[in-house]
Amino acid sequence: MQIRAVSSRDAFSRDELNQLVDLELGRAYTLWAVSGHGDSMECLASSGWGERVFAPSWWPIKAFEVFDLALPPHWRFAIATERDWVLGDEYFVADPAKLFELLDRDEQAVADFHQYVQASLRLEQIGSWRRRVDKVRNQLTPDEVVQALALIEAAELDILSDWLEQLET
C-alpha cells in the first residue's frame, strides 16, 4: 500500500514533531502497518522500494494521505488489548519482536527485512503478470495459458512481455 506525506508541520503537537524529523513532504512511502494505541493512530512506513527500501519508522497517521487504496492480501489484524491493535503486513503482525528489532536498527533484522521485501516484490510482480495473462486469456489456447504461466514462474518476463504486447494490440 502506498501513502504520501502531505501534512504541514503546523498540524502536529510538539511530541509528534519529534517523530517527523526524517519525513519528506510530497514523497511516497510504503505502508507496512497501522496501529492504534488508545486515541492515537500511527503508521509504520518506509521510503523506497525494491533494492532501495529503507527500514520503516512510526509516524502519526495524519501526516499522510493514501493514494493506493488496495489492501494487500498478506495483511493481518491483531488486537493486543481493547484499546491497542495493529493492521499490517503479516511480517510484523505475526512476530512483533521483528518490528522492535528493526526499529532498533539491529543489523540482522534490517538484513532480514530487506530479504523479505525482495521476496514480496517478486510475489507482487508474479501477481501483476498473472493478471495481465488473465486479461488476454480468452485469446489463448489452454496450452498457451500453461506456457504463459510457466514463463512467469521461470522469470522469463521479457519473452512473456513481447508475446503479451502482440496479443494486447
Protein backbone atom coordinates (compact mmCIF):
# COMPACT_ATOMS: atom_id res chain seq x y z
CA MET A 1 0.00 0.00 0.00
CA GLN A 2 1.35 3.43 -0.87
CA ILE A 3 0.93 6.66 1.09
CA ARG A 4 2.21 10.20 0.57
CA ALA A 5 3.42 12.63 3.23
CA VAL A 6 1.17 15.67 2.96
CA SER A 7 0.59 17.41 6.27
CA SER A 8 2.20 20.65 7.24
CA ARG A 9 4.26 20.53 10.42
CA ASP A 10 1.83 23.13 11.85
CA ALA A 11 -0.78 20.37 12.34
CA PHE A 12 1.26 18.49 14.96
CA SER A 13 1.90 18.68 18.67
CA ARG A 14 5.44 19.20 19.98
CA ASP A 15 5.76 15.46 20.75
CA GLU A 16 4.57 14.50 17.27
CA LEU A 17 7.01 16.92 15.65
CA ASN A 18 9.89 14.90 17.10
CA GLN A 19 8.67 11.94 15.03
CA LEU A 20 8.66 13.94 11.79
CA VAL A 21 12.37 14.70 11.59
CA ASP A 22 13.05 12.50 8.55
CA LEU A 23 9.65 12.85 6.88
CA GLU A 24 9.73 14.40 3.40
CA LEU A 25 6.53 16.16 2.30
CA GLY A 26 5.25 15.01 -1.09
CA ARG A 27 7.29 11.80 -1.02
CA ALA A 28 5.65 8.40 -1.50
CA TYR A 29 6.12 5.84 1.27
CA THR A 30 5.34 2.13 1.50
CA LEU A 31 2.85 1.48 4.31
CA TRP A 32 3.68 -1.62 6.34
CA ALA A 33 1.21 -1.30 9.22
CA VAL A 34 -1.28 0.94 11.00
CA SER A 35 -1.68 0.75 14.74
CA GLY A 36 -3.98 2.26 17.28
CA HIS A 37 -3.00 2.99 20.86
CA GLY A 38 -5.86 4.46 22.81
CA ASP A 39 -6.88 7.64 21.00
CA SER A 40 -3.86 7.87 18.69
CA MET A 41 -3.07 6.15 15.41
CA GLU A 42 0.32 5.73 13.82
CA CYS A 43 1.58 4.19 10.63
CA LEU A 44 4.71 2.17 10.02
CA ALA A 45 6.12 3.31 6.69
CA SER A 46 9.36 3.38 4.76
CA SER A 47 10.62 5.25 1.76
CA GLY A 48 11.98 3.42 -1.23
CA TRP A 49 11.06 0.05 -2.69
CA GLY A 50 12.82 -2.95 -4.16
CA GLU A 51 16.61 -2.70 -3.86
CA ARG A 52 16.47 0.70 -2.15
CA VAL A 53 13.89 0.24 0.58
CA PHE A 54 14.78 1.77 3.92
CA ALA A 55 13.92 0.32 7.32
CA PRO A 56 10.48 1.63 8.38
CA SER A 57 9.65 4.11 11.12
CA TRP A 58 6.46 5.01 13.00
CA TRP A 59 4.81 8.33 12.15
CA PRO A 60 1.47 9.94 13.07
CA ILE A 61 -1.09 8.78 10.53
CA LYS A 62 -2.39 12.31 9.98
CA ALA A 63 0.91 13.13 8.23
CA PHE A 64 -0.16 11.04 5.21
CA GLU A 65 -2.77 10.52 2.56
CA VAL A 66 -3.41 7.14 0.97
CA PHE A 67 -3.14 7.13 -2.81
CA ASP A 68 -3.10 3.37 -3.37
CA LEU A 69 -6.20 2.03 -1.64
CA ALA A 70 -5.65 -1.66 -2.40
CA LEU A 71 -5.25 -3.56 0.85
CA PRO A 72 -2.51 -6.15 0.30
CA PRO A 73 -3.71 -9.76 0.65
CA HIS A 74 -0.95 -10.61 3.14
CA TRP A 75 -2.05 -8.03 5.71
CA ARG A 76 -3.35 -9.28 9.05
CA PHE A 77 -5.17 -7.79 12.04
CA ALA A 78 -4.20 -8.30 15.69
CA ILE A 79 -5.61 -6.94 18.93
CA ALA A 80 -3.29 -6.58 21.91
CA THR A 81 -5.81 -5.04 24.32
CA GLU A 82 -9.24 -3.49 23.87
CA ARG A 83 -7.54 -0.15 23.02
CA ASP A 84 -4.40 -1.41 21.22
CA TRP A 85 -4.49 -3.00 17.81
CA VAL A 86 -2.42 -3.34 14.62
CA LEU A 87 -3.36 -3.95 11.00
CA GLY A 88 -0.48 -4.62 8.70
CA ASP A 89 1.93 -6.81 6.84
CA GLU A 90 2.00 -10.31 8.29
CA TYR A 91 5.78 -9.98 8.68
CA PHE A 92 5.21 -7.59 11.58
CA VAL A 93 1.83 -8.72 12.89
CA ALA A 94 2.82 -12.39 13.24
CA ASP A 95 6.04 -11.64 15.12
CA PRO A 96 6.14 -8.22 16.81
CA ALA A 97 9.70 -8.92 18.03
CA LYS A 98 10.86 -8.46 14.43
CA LEU A 99 9.39 -4.99 14.46
CA PHE A 100 11.16 -3.94 17.63
CA GLU A 101 14.50 -5.29 16.40
CA LEU A 102 14.02 -3.47 13.12
CA LEU A 103 13.11 -0.21 14.83
CA ASP A 104 16.31 -0.56 16.88
CA ARG A 105 18.09 -0.93 13.52
CA ASP A 106 19.54 -4.30 14.53
CA GLU A 107 21.85 -5.27 11.66
CA GLN A 108 20.43 -8.78 11.21
CA ALA A 109 16.84 -7.50 11.50
CA VAL A 110 17.49 -4.93 8.74
CA ALA A 111 19.06 -7.61 6.52
CA ASP A 112 16.11 -9.96 7.14
CA PHE A 113 13.66 -7.15 6.35
CA HIS A 114 15.41 -6.39 3.05
CA GLN A 115 15.26 -10.08 2.13
CA TYR A 116 11.54 -10.12 2.95
CA VAL A 117 10.94 -7.01 0.83
CA GLN A 118 12.69 -8.63 -2.14
CA ALA A 119 10.53 -11.75 -1.82
CA SER A 120 7.40 -9.57 -1.51
CA LEU A 121 8.37 -7.62 -4.60
CA ARG A 122 8.81 -10.86 -6.54
CA LEU A 123 5.35 -12.06 -5.46
CA GLU A 124 3.83 -8.71 -6.46
CA GLN A 125 5.44 -8.95 -9.89
CA ILE A 126 4.17 -12.50 -10.35
CA GLY A 127 0.64 -11.39 -9.41
CA SER A 128 0.82 -8.48 -11.82
CA TRP A 129 1.93 -10.72 -14.69
CA ARG A 130 -0.79 -13.28 -13.90
CA ARG A 131 -3.44 -10.54 -14.01
CA ARG A 132 -2.07 -9.43 -17.37
CA VAL A 133 -2.32 -13.00 -18.71
CA ASP A 134 -5.89 -13.25 -17.36
CA LYS A 135 -6.88 -10.20 -19.41
CA VAL A 136 -5.97 -11.96 -22.67
CA ARG A 137 -6.84 -15.50 -21.56
CA ASN A 138 -9.82 -15.71 -23.95
CA GLN A 139 -7.40 -15.20 -26.87
CA LEU A 140 -5.16 -18.09 -25.76
CA THR A 141 -5.39 -21.84 -26.11
CA PRO A 142 -5.08 -23.87 -22.89
CA ASP A 143 -1.51 -24.80 -23.88
CA GLU A 144 -0.63 -21.12 -24.35
CA VAL A 145 -2.02 -20.29 -20.90
CA VAL A 146 0.18 -23.01 -19.39
CA GLN A 147 3.13 -21.68 -21.38
CA ALA A 148 2.50 -18.11 -20.18
CA LEU A 149 2.28 -19.22 -16.54
CA ALA A 150 5.49 -21.25 -16.96
CA LEU A 151 7.25 -18.14 -18.32
CA ILE A 152 6.11 -16.20 -15.26
CA GLU A 153 7.40 -18.85 -12.86
CA ALA A 154 10.73 -19.05 -14.74
CA ALA A 155 11.02 -15.23 -14.64
CA GLU A 156 11.28 -15.10 -18.43
CA LEU A 157 9.40 -11.82 -18.34
CA ASP A 158 10.98 -10.24 -21.43
CA ILE A 159 9.74 -13.13 -23.59
CA LEU A 160 6.31 -13.00 -21.96
CA SER A 161 6.12 -9.23 -22.32
CA ASP A 162 6.82 -9.36 -26.06
CA TRP A 163 4.23 -12.09 -26.53
CA LEU A 164 1.54 -10.30 -24.50
CA GLU A 165 2.14 -6.98 -26.26
CA GLN A 166 1.33 -8.70 -29.56
CA LEU A 167 -1.93 -10.04 -28.13
CA GLU A 168 -2.92 -6.77 -26.44
CA THR A 169 -2.65 -4.67 -29.61
